[in-house]
């Protein structure tokens, strides 16, 4: 089977997570500057077999799009132009950053390490992907 890749796209940074080839476990891959996302993905897709990409969809508590939704929609449009054959699914990313921060606390990271926003973005993408995998199984 091919991997599933999750993208937590942000204005400055983009967190990326990926599954194993059996699509069982989600693992953080990296965090990159957002302006390099398409180039990074071209390189990654040339090396790895990816069946689907999950892109975070930012929403407010009431379900309406958040203020960053417009920026992410532009990225999704560009992504689909660059990779027209890649399956894309959107995933609600509410609370993933807060959950990522709590995960860092729970795992015993020191305060200085928890201030690493790149790590938060990578963990948020991993949480989004693991949540997707959990729902897919049932």
C-alpha atoms as a PDB file:
ATOM      1  CA  UNK A   1       0.000   0.000   0.000  1.00  0.00           C
ATOM      2  CA  UNK A   2       0.989   3.608  -0.355  1.00  0.00           C
ATOM      3  CA  UNK A   3       1.393   6.189   2.371  1.00  0.00           C
ATOM      4  CA  UNK A   4      -1.011   8.946   3.393  1.00  0.00           C
ATOM      5  CA  UNK A   5       0.568  12.334   3.980  1.00  0.00           C
ATOM      6  CA  UNK A   6      -0.952  15.061   6.176  1.00  0.00           C
ATOM      7  CA  UNK A   7      -0.274  18.768   5.784  1.00  0.00           C
ATOM      8  CA  UNK A   8      -0.903  21.322   8.505  1.00  0.00           C
ATOM      9  CA  UNK A   9      -0.370  24.395   6.327  1.00  0.00           C
ATOM     10  CA  UNK A  10       0.274  27.709   8.028  1.00  0.00           C
ATOM     11  CA  UNK A  11       1.237  31.222   7.051  1.00  0.00           C
ATOM     12  CA  UNK A  12       4.881  30.749   8.103  1.00  0.00           C
ATOM     13  CA  UNK A  13       5.385  27.036   8.733  1.00  0.00           C
ATOM     14  CA  UNK A  14       3.885  23.805   7.472  1.00  0.00           C
ATOM     15  CA  UNK A  15       3.855  20.654   9.571  1.00  0.00           C
ATOM     16  CA  UNK A  16       3.978  17.368   7.690  1.00  0.00           C
ATOM     17  CA  UNK A  17       3.167  13.873   8.929  1.00  0.00           C
ATOM     18  CA  UNK A  18       3.036  10.573   7.086  1.00  0.00           C
ATOM     19  CA  UNK A  19       1.788   7.046   7.646  1.00  0.00           C
ATOM     20  CA  UNK A  20       3.745   3.861   7.304  1.00  0.00           C
ATOM     21  CA  UNK A  21       3.125   1.923   4.085  1.00  0.00           C
ATOM     22  CA  UNK A  22       0.374  -0.137   5.735  1.00  0.00           C
ATOM     23  CA  UNK A  23      -1.430   3.071   6.769  1.00  0.00           C
ATOM     24  CA  UNK A  24      -1.543   2.066  10.422  1.00  0.00           C
ATOM     25  CA  UNK A  25       0.719   4.531  12.234  1.00  0.00           C
ATOM     26  CA  UNK A  26       1.064   8.292  11.759  1.00  0.00           C
ATOM     27  CA  UNK A  27       4.490   9.799  12.381  1.00  0.00           C
ATOM     28  CA  UNK A  28       5.746  13.342  12.224  1.00  0.00           C
ATOM     29  CA  UNK A  29       7.941  13.884   9.183  1.00  0.00           C
ATOM     30  CA  UNK A  30       9.113  17.497   9.367  1.00  0.00           C
ATOM     31  CA  UNK A  31       8.182  21.146   9.526  1.00  0.00           C
ATOM     32  CA  UNK A  32       9.161  23.344   6.599  1.00  0.00           C
ATOM     33  CA  UNK A  33       8.791  27.010   5.664  1.00  0.00           C
ATOM     34  CA  UNK A  34       5.395  27.290   3.954  1.00  0.00           C
ATOM     35  CA  UNK A  35       6.810  28.953   0.842  1.00  0.00           C
ATOM     36  CA  UNK A  36       8.845  25.777   0.176  1.00  0.00           C
ATOM     37  CA  UNK A  37       5.925  23.348   0.560  1.00  0.00           C
ATOM     38  CA  UNK A  38       5.298  22.610  -3.134  1.00  0.00           C
ATOM     39  CA  UNK A  39       9.008  22.065  -3.864  1.00  0.00           C
ATOM     40  CA  UNK A  40       9.349  19.829  -0.791  1.00  0.00           C
ATOM     41  CA  UNK A  41       6.311  17.773  -1.843  1.00  0.00           C
ATOM     42  CA  UNK A  42       7.571  17.353  -5.423  1.00  0.00           C
ATOM     43  CA  UNK A  43      10.793  15.915  -4.054  1.00  0.00           C
ATOM     44  CA  UNK A  44       9.006  13.718  -1.495  1.00  0.00           C
ATOM     45  CA  UNK A  45       6.492  12.350  -4.028  1.00  0.00           C
ATOM     46  CA  UNK A  46       9.367  11.454  -6.385  1.00  0.00           C
ATOM     47  CA  UNK A  47      10.877   9.245  -3.649  1.00  0.00           C
ATOM     48  CA  UNK A  48       7.843   7.838  -1.824  1.00  0.00           C
ATOM     49  CA  UNK A  49       4.603   6.229  -2.920  1.00  0.00           C
ATOM     50  CA  UNK A  50       1.811   8.453  -1.571  1.00  0.00           C
ATOM     51  CA  UNK A  51      -1.818   7.516  -2.232  1.00  0.00           C
ATOM     52  CA  UNK A  52      -3.554  10.454  -0.608  1.00  0.00           C
ATOM     53  CA  UNK A  53      -2.897  13.824   0.967  1.00  0.00           C
ATOM     54  CA  UNK A  54      -4.853  15.113   3.935  1.00  0.00           C
ATOM     55  CA  UNK A  55      -4.871  18.905   4.216  1.00  0.00           C
ATOM     56  CA  UNK A  56      -6.044  20.637   7.354  1.00  0.00           C
ATOM     57  CA  UNK A  57      -9.158  22.754   7.173  1.00  0.00           C
ATOM     58  CA  UNK A  58      -9.192  25.494   9.808  1.00  0.00           C
ATOM     59  CA  UNK A  59     -12.584  26.152  11.353  1.00  0.00           C
ATOM     60  CA  UNK A  60     -13.926  28.248  14.177  1.00  0.00           C
ATOM     61  CA  UNK A  61     -15.891  26.733  17.045  1.00  0.00           C
ATOM     62  CA  UNK A  62     -19.178  27.349  15.196  1.00  0.00           C
ATOM     63  CA  UNK A  63     -17.956  25.420  12.149  1.00  0.00           C
ATOM     64  CA  UNK A  64     -17.367  28.501  10.013  1.00  0.00           C
ATOM     65  CA  UNK A  65     -14.013  28.900   8.227  1.00  0.00           C
ATOM     66  CA  UNK A  66     -11.351  30.636  10.315  1.00  0.00           C
ATOM     67  CA  UNK A  67      -9.444  33.729   9.243  1.00  0.00           C
ATOM     68  CA  UNK A  68      -6.570  31.629   7.859  1.00  0.00           C
ATOM     69  CA  UNK A  69      -8.912  29.572   5.645  1.00  0.00           C
ATOM     70  CA  UNK A  70      -8.404  31.845   2.623  1.00  0.00           C
ATOM     71  CA  UNK A  71      -4.617  31.346   2.702  1.00  0.00           C
ATOM     72  CA  UNK A  72      -5.017  27.588   2.991  1.00  0.00           C
ATOM     73  CA  UNK A  73      -7.563  27.508   0.150  1.00  0.00           C
ATOM     74  CA  UNK A  74      -4.987  29.212  -2.100  1.00  0.00           C
ATOM     75  CA  UNK A  75      -2.468  26.527  -1.135  1.00  0.00           C
ATOM     76  CA  UNK A  76      -5.003  23.757  -1.864  1.00  0.00           C
ATOM     77  CA  UNK A  77      -5.695  25.251  -5.310  1.00  0.00           C
ATOM     78  CA  UNK A  78      -1.975  25.453  -6.082  1.00  0.00           C
ATOM     79  CA  UNK A  79      -1.432  21.924  -4.754  1.00  0.00           C
ATOM     80  CA  UNK A  80      -4.175  20.544  -7.022  1.00  0.00           C
ATOM     81  CA  UNK A  81      -2.689  22.361 -10.023  1.00  0.00           C
ATOM     82  CA  UNK A  82       0.779  20.949  -9.300  1.00  0.00           C
ATOM     83  CA  UNK A  83      -0.426  17.437  -8.446  1.00  0.00           C
ATOM     84  CA  UNK A  84      -3.679  16.907 -10.389  1.00  0.00           C
ATOM     85  CA  UNK A  85      -3.627  13.112  -9.968  1.00  0.00           C
ATOM     86  CA  UNK A  86      -3.149  13.144  -6.186  1.00  0.00           C
ATOM     87  CA  UNK A  87      -6.226  12.413  -4.074  1.00  0.00           C
ATOM     88  CA  UNK A  88      -6.869  15.215  -1.585  1.00  0.00           C
ATOM     89  CA  UNK A  89      -9.079  15.094   1.493  1.00  0.00           C
ATOM     90  CA  UNK A  90      -9.699  17.916   3.915  1.00  0.00           C
ATOM     91  CA  UNK A  91      -9.634  17.377   7.670  1.00  0.00           C
ATOM     92  CA  UNK A  92     -10.933  19.536  10.485  1.00  0.00           C
ATOM     93  CA  UNK A  93      -7.848  20.787  12.301  1.00  0.00           C
ATOM     94  CA  UNK A  94      -9.566  22.459  15.251  1.00  0.00           C
ATOM     95  CA  UNK A  95      -7.679  21.926  18.503  1.00  0.00           C
ATOM     96  CA  UNK A  96      -4.736  20.090  16.889  1.00  0.00           C
ATOM     97  CA  UNK A  97      -2.234  22.773  17.951  1.00  0.00           C
ATOM     98  CA  UNK A  98      -3.565  22.768  21.511  1.00  0.00           C
ATOM     99  CA  UNK A  99      -3.486  18.982  21.560  1.00  0.00           C
ATOM    100  CA  UNK A 100       0.073  19.054  20.205  1.00  0.00           C
ATOM    101  CA  UNK A 101       1.162  21.425  22.972  1.00  0.00           C
ATOM    102  CA  UNK A 102      -0.492  19.220  25.603  1.00  0.00           C
ATOM    103  CA  UNK A 103       1.240  16.183  24.106  1.00  0.00           C
ATOM    104  CA  UNK A 104       4.566  17.967  24.544  1.00  0.00           C
ATOM    105  CA  UNK A 105       3.749  18.650  28.211  1.00  0.00           C
ATOM    106  CA  UNK A 106       2.573  15.083  28.788  1.00  0.00           C
ATOM    107  CA  UNK A 107       5.746  13.678  27.265  1.00  0.00           C
ATOM    108  CA  UNK A 108       7.876  15.684  29.682  1.00  0.00           C
ATOM    109  CA  UNK A 109       9.425  18.229  27.339  1.00  0.00           C
ATOM    110  CA  UNK A 110      10.946  21.196  29.122  1.00  0.00           C
ATOM    111  CA  UNK A 111       9.437  24.671  28.729  1.00  0.00           C
ATOM    112  CA  UNK A 112      12.195  25.766  26.314  1.00  0.00           C
ATOM    113  CA  UNK A 113      11.509  22.724  24.078  1.00  0.00           C
ATOM    114  CA  UNK A 114       7.752  23.404  24.153  1.00  0.00           C
ATOM    115  CA  UNK A 115       8.369  26.854  22.666  1.00  0.00           C
ATOM    116  CA  UNK A 116       9.519  25.208  19.429  1.00  0.00           C
ATOM    117  CA  UNK A 117       6.612  26.160  17.137  1.00  0.00           C
ATOM    118  CA  UNK A 118       7.955  23.967  14.330  1.00  0.00           C
ATOM    119  CA  UNK A 119       7.629  20.920  16.575  1.00  0.00           C
ATOM    120  CA  UNK A 120       4.073  21.935  17.492  1.00  0.00           C
ATOM    121  CA  UNK A 121       3.154  22.109  13.775  1.00  0.00           C
ATOM    122  CA  UNK A 122       4.654  18.677  13.085  1.00  0.00           C
ATOM    123  CA  UNK A 123       2.837  17.123  16.049  1.00  0.00           C
ATOM    124  CA  UNK A 124      -0.426  18.833  15.010  1.00  0.00           C
ATOM    125  CA  UNK A 125      -0.152  17.255  11.544  1.00  0.00           C
ATOM    126  CA  UNK A 126       0.511  13.883  13.189  1.00  0.00           C
ATOM    127  CA  UNK A 127      -2.557  14.225  15.435  1.00  0.00           C
ATOM    128  CA  UNK A 128      -4.717  15.176  12.443  1.00  0.00           C
ATOM    129  CA  UNK A 129      -3.460  12.146  10.503  1.00  0.00           C
ATOM    130  CA  UNK A 130      -3.831   9.705  13.406  1.00  0.00           C
ATOM    131  CA  UNK A 131      -7.396  10.952  13.969  1.00  0.00           C
ATOM    132  CA  UNK A 132      -8.130  10.354  10.278  1.00  0.00           C
ATOM    133  CA  UNK A 133      -6.699   6.829  10.482  1.00  0.00           C
ATOM    134  CA  UNK A 134      -8.771   6.069  13.583  1.00  0.00           C
ATOM    135  CA  UNK A 135     -11.984   7.148  11.843  1.00  0.00           C
ATOM    136  CA  UNK A 136     -11.084   5.269   8.659  1.00  0.00           C
ATOM    137  CA  UNK A 137     -10.795   1.967  10.530  1.00  0.00           C
ATOM    138  CA  UNK A 138     -14.434   1.980  11.619  1.00  0.00           C
END
